[in-house]
Structure formats: structure tokens, C-alpha cells
């Protein structure tokens, strides 16, 4: 059986994880993001949950324009490397969480699959997310071959989700986000190896367009400026998808309300039928309290009669009245009543 197609899955991360500091290769990112895309971010994620990516799925996702011969080797290498990767996540009061992304990875060389379990400390950043998160479709990053392009794409999607389409960051802070360490310390290297390739790939292969420039402070480049926006076609597609989701939600809500009405009607009909079936067995003179009027009715023949108000409920309507919940059976009156 062919493995599930993952390209339309949503990758959802908390914004704290989006802006965390870490470094990894593009193949590690692909493995990680393909597994994150299998998580329902609205629900609780069990600590022992396993997420699988097969080499076949990886080929279909990430090697559509390139040489597929290395997909097996790339996944095996990504499993080895990803297990060692650390991530730094900013916490309140200037604290910092240092953890791994995964607690275990099992690579099956015969079947060409990788089974991944996320680290316990990472779970809150991937599950039960109700606010302050970023989401995008896995298909938007499958053509990116630069690990820096993937990270920058996630950052601009996160900022755009928050209504920001321009961001200026200190170059040192930008380098820290991408986990560059001692690499590309010269701005010329940073441009040639990071920002220019990332910008080109994002503009060519994703739903966003991006421009990156550098700004000087006095005579030294100190700031990196990112200007970005979602492409018009992608905006239109997102709007249409949103309208379809809203229409489905309204349809489902109306269907639920209709279903609940039918269930109530069916339950009421069943209750009336049950009362009607048992009415003949009720002893003559049995009294019922009408809680709405605080008056007492008693059974006379097949009707309910109230002596105080000299009103009666005909036999045809007795079952419905008793099934309504307004009447409480008091039983037969005491002898001599």
C-alpha cells in the first residue's frame, strides 16, 4: 500500500519554537517538519507517540526536481544528525530552555522508514496550541534546498501572521536565530551563503516574496532588513480556502442543530409512546401534581381531572402531558382522603 501523501499537511509550531535558536541541515529539517506535519496541534500529544516518514514519501515530497538516488542515504544521515541537535528556547524572566528536538529515532534500513519520538520538553510547543502559533503547508517548503531558506521562511510567515510585513533585526541576533555560530562572520559571506540564496529560493518556490537588505550604523553594517508579503495568488487561494472552511463550519453547525432537534423529537415521541403504553395499567384515582400550576390532577377513566379548577386533560393528550416533565406522580391518595 502506498504511504500517505503528506504535502498538504499543516506544519504548526508555537512562535517560541519558531524564534528559537538552532542549526540543522535541510535533510534534518525535512525529516523533522514531515513528522510535525502529522501532529494535530489542537490536541494533547502523548509522550510516546511515534511519527513515521518513509524514504518513498521523502522522494515524493522533496526530490521531485532533483536526483532521487540519494534519498535513502540522506534520510539515514538525517536520523543520525537530528538526534544530536539541540535547541535553545527563550523562557520568561530571561530564562532559557536547552533541549533536544527528539528523544529517539529508529531507522529501519530494510523498509526504508524512520520512526521519530519528540522530546518531552518540545511537546508543549507542538500540541494544544490555541494562540501564538505559526502554521503553513508542508508543500510550501518542499522545494527549498537551503536550510537557511527554511528557517527564514518560517520567520517571515510567523511575522506576517502577526500583521508584520517588515522586520529589522540586528545582524548578530539574526545569526543567533539561524544558529550560524562562527560561520559566515563577514557580511559578504553572510549574503553569499545565506541571505541571497534564501531570498531567491523563497521567491521562486514558496507562497511568499521576500527582499533582504542591510543597513549601516555609522560605518558598520549592523542591521538586516526583511520586507515580505504573501503572493497575490497564494492570498486568493488562502481566502478561498478560508471561505470554504467557514461554509463547511456553518453547514456542520446547521447539520448538528438539525440532528439534535431530530433526536429530541425522537426521544420525546418515544417517551410519549412509553407513557401511553403504560397508562392503562395506572390505577384509577392515581394523583399527579402539576408543578407549573401547583394543582393536583387524578386519573378518572382515561383522562386527568383537577377538582380544584374543574379542568381536565382529555385521554388523547394525557401521554404528552405526563411525558412533558411538568407532572409528578403522587400515587394513590391515602385511605380516607
Protein backbone atom coordinates (compact mmCIF):
# COMPACT_ATOMS: atom_id res chain seq x y z
CA UNK A 1 0.00 0.00 0.00
CA UNK A 2 1.35 3.42 -0.96
CA UNK A 3 2.24 5.61 2.05
CA UNK A 4 0.11 8.68 2.79
CA UNK A 5 0.73 11.85 0.80
CA UNK A 6 1.95 14.46 3.29
CA UNK A 7 2.47 17.56 1.14
CA UNK A 8 -0.82 19.22 2.10
CA UNK A 9 -0.32 18.62 5.82
CA UNK A 10 -0.06 21.66 8.04
CA UNK A 11 3.15 22.33 9.94
CA UNK A 12 2.18 24.08 13.17
CA UNK A 13 4.66 25.41 15.74
CA UNK A 14 4.41 27.78 18.67
CA UNK A 15 6.04 31.13 17.96
CA UNK A 16 8.53 30.45 20.76
CA UNK A 17 9.82 27.48 18.76
CA UNK A 18 9.82 29.47 15.51
CA UNK A 19 12.14 32.05 17.07
CA UNK A 20 14.27 29.50 18.94
CA UNK A 21 17.98 29.20 18.19
CA UNK A 22 19.16 26.04 16.47
CA UNK A 23 21.01 24.80 13.41
CA UNK A 24 20.44 21.74 11.24
CA UNK A 25 20.82 20.58 7.66
CA UNK A 26 17.98 20.78 5.17
CA UNK A 27 17.57 16.98 5.26
CA UNK A 28 17.16 17.06 9.03
CA UNK A 29 14.60 19.83 8.66
CA UNK A 30 12.70 17.82 6.09
CA UNK A 31 12.51 14.80 8.37
CA UNK A 32 11.50 16.94 11.35
CA UNK A 33 8.88 19.00 9.50
CA UNK A 34 7.34 15.98 7.76
CA UNK A 35 6.77 14.45 11.22
CA UNK A 36 5.50 17.72 12.75
CA UNK A 37 3.04 17.89 9.86
CA UNK A 38 1.46 14.66 11.12
CA UNK A 39 0.60 16.17 14.54
CA UNK A 40 -2.86 17.54 15.34
CA UNK A 41 -1.67 20.70 17.09
CA UNK A 42 -5.07 21.23 18.75
CA UNK A 43 -4.94 18.08 20.85
CA UNK A 44 -2.71 16.60 23.54
CA UNK A 45 0.36 14.84 22.20
CA UNK A 46 1.30 11.66 24.03
CA UNK A 47 4.93 11.43 25.11
CA UNK A 48 5.28 8.04 23.44
CA UNK A 49 3.66 8.99 20.12
CA UNK A 50 5.62 7.79 17.08
CA UNK A 51 5.69 9.57 13.72
CA UNK A 52 6.96 7.81 10.62
CA UNK A 53 8.48 9.05 7.39
CA UNK A 54 9.43 6.60 4.66
CA UNK A 55 12.09 7.08 2.01
CA UNK A 56 9.31 6.72 -0.58
CA UNK A 57 7.41 9.60 1.00
CA UNK A 58 10.59 11.69 1.17
CA UNK A 59 11.20 11.09 -2.55
CA UNK A 60 7.66 12.15 -3.42
CA UNK A 61 7.89 15.25 -1.23
CA UNK A 62 11.38 16.64 -1.58
CA UNK A 63 13.03 15.11 -4.66
CA UNK A 64 10.56 16.00 -7.41
CA UNK A 65 13.09 18.19 -9.22
CA UNK A 66 16.33 16.57 -8.17
CA UNK A 67 18.25 13.30 -8.12
CA UNK A 68 16.30 10.77 -6.07
CA UNK A 69 19.18 8.30 -5.82
CA UNK A 70 20.42 9.88 -2.57
CA UNK A 71 17.05 9.93 -0.74
CA UNK A 72 17.86 6.77 1.24
CA UNK A 73 21.33 7.97 2.21
CA UNK A 74 20.01 11.44 3.07
CA UNK A 75 17.36 10.07 5.43
CA UNK A 76 19.78 7.73 7.18
CA UNK A 77 22.22 10.61 7.66
CA UNK A 78 19.42 12.93 8.85
CA UNK A 79 18.38 10.39 11.51
CA UNK A 80 21.93 10.28 12.89
CA UNK A 81 22.33 14.04 12.96
CA UNK A 82 18.85 15.06 14.13
CA UNK A 83 19.13 13.03 17.31
CA UNK A 84 22.13 15.14 18.38
CA UNK A 85 20.58 18.53 17.61
CA UNK A 86 19.89 20.93 20.46
CA UNK A 87 17.56 23.91 20.55
CA UNK A 88 17.52 26.98 22.78
CA UNK A 89 14.09 28.38 23.58
CA UNK A 90 13.62 31.70 25.37
CA UNK A 91 11.54 31.50 28.56
CA UNK A 92 10.02 34.24 30.74
CA UNK A 93 12.26 36.20 33.12
CA UNK A 94 15.29 35.79 30.83
CA UNK A 95 15.46 32.05 31.42
CA UNK A 96 16.39 29.67 28.62
CA UNK A 97 15.40 26.10 27.86
CA UNK A 98 18.09 23.93 26.28
CA UNK A 99 16.71 20.65 24.97
CA UNK A 100 16.70 18.25 22.04
CA UNK A 101 14.03 18.00 19.36
CA UNK A 102 13.67 14.24 19.63
CA UNK A 103 14.02 11.59 22.32
CA UNK A 104 14.55 8.72 19.86
CA UNK A 105 14.76 7.87 16.17
CA UNK A 106 14.57 4.34 14.80
CA UNK A 107 15.78 3.89 11.23
CA UNK A 108 14.71 0.68 9.53
CA UNK A 109 17.17 0.01 6.67
CA UNK A 110 15.15 -2.89 5.23
CA UNK A 111 11.86 -1.00 4.94
CA UNK A 112 13.40 2.44 4.49
CA UNK A 113 11.48 4.14 7.32
CA UNK A 114 12.32 6.47 10.17
CA UNK A 115 10.21 6.40 13.37
CA UNK A 116 10.56 9.57 15.43
CA UNK A 117 9.53 10.39 19.01
CA UNK A 118 9.63 14.03 20.04
CA UNK A 119 11.40 15.10 23.22
CA UNK A 120 9.08 15.61 26.19
CA UNK A 121 10.14 19.28 26.59
CA UNK A 122 9.23 20.01 22.94
CA UNK A 123 5.65 18.70 23.17
CA UNK A 124 4.09 21.94 24.56
CA UNK A 125 5.45 23.81 21.53
CA UNK A 126 3.76 21.43 19.07
CA UNK A 127 0.47 20.46 20.71
CA UNK A 128 -2.55 22.01 22.47
CA UNK A 129 -1.84 25.26 20.62
CA UNK A 130 -4.68 27.78 20.83
CA UNK A 131 -2.83 31.05 20.20
CA UNK A 132 0.62 32.45 19.35
CA UNK A 133 1.47 29.83 16.76
CA UNK A 134 2.56 29.77 13.13
CA UNK A 135 1.24 27.38 10.51
CA UNK A 136 1.97 26.67 6.86
CA UNK A 137 1.52 23.81 4.43
CA UNK A 138 4.42 21.42 4.05
CA UNK A 139 4.10 21.86 0.27
CA UNK A 140 5.34 25.45 0.63
CA UNK A 141 8.84 24.41 1.67
CA UNK A 142 9.41 21.13 -0.17
CA UNK A 143 11.40 22.80 -2.97
CA UNK A 144 13.72 24.68 -0.61
CA UNK A 145 17.22 23.18 -0.63
CA UNK A 146 18.79 25.71 1.74
CA UNK A 147 18.32 25.10 5.45
CA UNK A 148 18.56 28.87 5.97
CA UNK A 149 15.74 29.40 3.46
CA UNK A 150 13.50 27.12 5.52
CA UNK A 151 14.26 28.99 8.74
CA UNK A 152 13.82 32.43 7.15
CA UNK A 153 10.57 31.29 5.52
CA UNK A 154 9.20 30.21 8.89
CA UNK A 155 10.19 33.53 10.44
CA UNK A 156 8.51 35.68 7.79
CA UNK A 157 5.33 33.55 7.89
CA UNK A 158 5.27 33.99 11.67
CA UNK A 159 5.71 37.76 11.42
CA UNK A 160 3.12 38.03 8.64
CA UNK A 161 0.65 36.06 10.77
CA UNK A 162 1.12 38.77 13.41
CA UNK A 163 0.46 41.52 10.83
CA UNK A 164 4.11 42.48 10.32
CA UNK A 165 5.47 42.69 6.77
CA UNK A 166 8.73 44.46 7.56
CA UNK A 167 11.30 43.42 10.11
CA UNK A 168 14.63 44.93 11.06
CA UNK A 169 16.93 42.81 13.21
CA UNK A 170 20.45 43.23 14.42
CA UNK A 171 22.75 41.07 12.34
CA UNK A 172 24.09 39.32 15.47
CA UNK A 173 20.54 38.45 16.56
CA UNK A 174 19.74 37.19 13.06
CA UNK A 175 22.84 34.99 13.11
CA UNK A 176 21.81 33.65 16.53
CA UNK A 177 18.33 32.72 15.23
CA UNK A 178 19.85 30.72 12.40
CA UNK A 179 22.42 29.09 14.68
CA UNK A 180 25.32 30.19 12.49
CA UNK A 181 27.88 30.16 15.28
CA UNK A 182 31.27 31.12 13.87
CA UNK A 183 30.27 30.65 10.23
CA UNK A 184 29.93 33.49 7.71
CA UNK A 185 31.18 36.22 10.04
CA UNK A 186 31.86 38.58 7.14
CA UNK A 187 28.76 40.27 5.74
CA UNK A 188 29.88 39.34 2.23
CA UNK A 189 29.85 35.67 3.26
CA UNK A 190 26.53 36.06 5.04
CA UNK A 191 24.98 37.48 1.88
CA UNK A 192 26.56 34.95 -0.49
CA UNK A 193 25.90 31.83 1.60
CA UNK A 194 22.72 32.70 3.50
CA UNK A 195 20.55 35.67 2.58
CA UNK A 196 20.83 35.76 -1.22
CA UNK A 197 20.24 32.01 -1.79
CA UNK A 198 17.41 32.02 0.77
CA UNK A 199 15.76 35.04 -0.82
CA UNK A 200 15.99 33.52 -4.30
CA UNK A 201 14.56 30.18 -3.22
CA UNK A 202 11.73 31.72 -1.21
CA UNK A 203 10.75 33.97 -4.11
CA UNK A 204 10.86 31.12 -6.63
CA UNK A 205 9.39 28.24 -4.68
CA UNK A 206 7.09 29.44 -1.88
CA UNK A 207 3.92 31.43 -1.44
CA UNK A 208 5.87 34.47 -0.18
CA UNK A 209 8.03 37.11 -1.83
CA UNK A 210 10.98 38.49 0.12
CA UNK A 211 13.57 41.24 -0.15
CA UNK A 212 16.57 41.36 2.20
CA UNK A 213 18.88 44.33 2.63
CA UNK A 214 21.48 45.53 5.14
CA UNK A 215 21.61 48.88 6.96
CA UNK A 216 24.64 50.60 8.38
CA UNK A 217 25.03 52.20 11.78
CA UNK A 218 27.69 54.83 11.21
CA UNK A 219 30.20 52.98 9.00
CA UNK A 220 29.38 49.42 10.01
CA UNK A 221 26.55 47.22 8.81
CA UNK A 222 24.54 46.46 11.94
CA UNK A 223 21.00 45.69 10.84
CA UNK A 224 19.36 43.28 8.44
CA UNK A 225 16.04 44.37 6.91
CA UNK A 226 13.41 41.95 5.63
CA UNK A 227 10.46 43.10 3.52
CA UNK A 228 7.98 40.40 2.62
CA UNK A 229 4.42 39.68 1.62
CA UNK A 230 2.30 36.76 0.57
CA UNK A 231 1.98 36.42 -3.19
CA UNK A 232 -1.34 37.51 -4.67
CA UNK A 233 -2.26 34.05 -6.00
CA UNK A 234 -1.49 32.49 -2.62
CA UNK A 235 -3.58 35.13 -0.84
CA UNK A 236 -6.51 34.41 -3.15
CA UNK A 237 -6.14 30.66 -2.59
CA UNK A 238 -5.94 31.15 1.18
CA UNK A 239 -9.02 33.38 1.12
CA UNK A 240 -10.96 30.82 -0.92
CA UNK A 241 -9.86 28.04 1.43
CA UNK A 242 -10.91 30.14 4.43
CA UNK A 243 -14.32 30.82 2.89
CA UNK A 244 -14.75 27.11 2.19
CA UNK A 245 -13.80 26.27 5.78
CA UNK A 246 -16.28 28.82 7.11
CA UNK A 247 -19.01 27.48 4.81
CA UNK A 248 -18.28 23.92 5.95
CA UNK A 249 -18.34 25.05 9.58
CA UNK A 250 -21.76 26.71 9.10
CA UNK A 251 -23.06 23.64 7.28
CA UNK A 252 -21.78 21.35 10.02
CA UNK A 253 -23.26 23.57 12.72
CA UNK A 254 -26.66 23.61 10.99
CA UNK A 255 -26.50 19.84 10.48
CA UNK A 256 -25.64 19.35 14.16
CA UNK A 257 -28.55 21.56 15.24
CA UNK A 258 -30.95 19.68 12.96
CA UNK A 259 -29.64 16.36 14.24
CA UNK A 260 -30.12 17.47 17.84
CA UNK A 261 -33.68 18.64 17.08
CA UNK A 262 -34.50 15.29 15.45
CA UNK A 263 -33.00 13.41 18.39
CA UNK A 264 -35.07 15.46 20.86
CA UNK A 265 -38.22 14.87 18.81
CA UNK A 266 -37.49 11.15 18.60
CA UNK A 267 -36.80 10.92 22.32
CA UNK A 268 -39.98 12.84 23.12
CA UNK A 269 -42.01 10.59 20.82
CA UNK A 270 -40.52 7.51 22.44
CA UNK A 271 -41.30 8.86 25.91
CA UNK A 272 -44.90 9.67 24.93
CA UNK A 273 -45.31 6.19 23.45
CA UNK A 274 -43.94 4.60 26.62
CA UNK A 275 -46.32 6.62 28.83
CA UNK A 276 -49.24 5.84 26.54
CA UNK A 277 -48.47 2.12 26.66
CA UNK A 278 -48.41 2.15 30.45
CA UNK A 279 -51.39 4.46 31.01
CA UNK A 280 -53.94 1.65 31.01
CA UNK A 281 -52.10 0.00 33.90
CA UNK A 282 -52.21 3.12 36.09
CA UNK A 283 -54.70 2.67 38.90
CA UNK A 284 -57.88 4.72 38.87
CA UNK A 285 -57.61 7.70 41.22
CA UNK A 286 -53.80 8.00 40.97
CA UNK A 287 -52.86 11.63 41.62
CA UNK A 288 -50.38 13.85 39.76
CA UNK A 289 -49.04 17.26 40.78
CA UNK A 290 -48.89 19.86 38.02
CA UNK A 291 -45.71 21.70 39.06
CA UNK A 292 -46.45 24.62 36.74
CA UNK A 293 -49.78 25.47 38.45
CA UNK A 294 -49.26 23.62 41.76
CA UNK A 295 -52.57 21.83 41.26
CA UNK A 296 -53.41 18.15 41.71
CA UNK A 297 -54.95 16.03 38.97
CA UNK A 298 -56.21 12.48 39.34
CA UNK A 299 -56.94 9.74 36.88
CA UNK A 300 -60.60 9.38 36.06
CA UNK A 301 -61.30 6.79 33.38
CA UNK A 302 -58.66 7.64 30.77
CA UNK A 303 -58.44 11.36 31.47
CA UNK A 304 -56.74 13.56 34.10
CA UNK A 305 -59.13 15.68 36.14
CA UNK A 306 -58.44 18.59 38.52
CA UNK A 307 -61.22 19.08 41.01
CA UNK A 308 -59.85 22.43 42.25
CA UNK A 309 -60.03 24.06 38.83
CA UNK A 310 -62.64 21.72 37.39
CA UNK A 311 -60.50 21.23 34.31
CA UNK A 312 -59.48 18.02 32.62
CA UNK A 313 -56.89 16.75 30.15
CA UNK A 314 -58.55 14.51 27.57
CA UNK A 315 -57.30 10.95 27.13
CA UNK A 316 -55.73 11.79 23.75
CA UNK A 317 -53.38 14.33 25.38
CA UNK A 318 -52.60 12.61 28.69
CA UNK A 319 -49.47 10.80 27.47
CA UNK A 320 -47.97 14.01 26.03
CA UNK A 321 -48.75 15.94 29.25
CA UNK A 322 -47.18 13.32 31.51
CA UNK A 323 -44.12 12.95 29.22
CA UNK A 324 -43.51 16.72 29.31
CA UNK A 325 -41.99 16.52 32.79
CA UNK A 326 -44.49 19.01 34.23
CA UNK A 327 -46.38 16.36 36.19
CA UNK A 328 -45.12 14.42 39.21
CA UNK A 329 -46.88 11.21 40.18
CA UNK A 330 -48.08 11.36 43.80
CA UNK A 331 -49.59 7.87 43.77
CA UNK A 332 -52.93 6.86 45.19
CA UNK A 333 -54.36 9.08 47.93
CA UNK A 334 -54.28 7.79 51.48
CA UNK A 335 -57.36 5.90 52.65
CA UNK A 336 -59.97 8.33 53.93
CA UNK A 337 -58.54 11.23 51.85
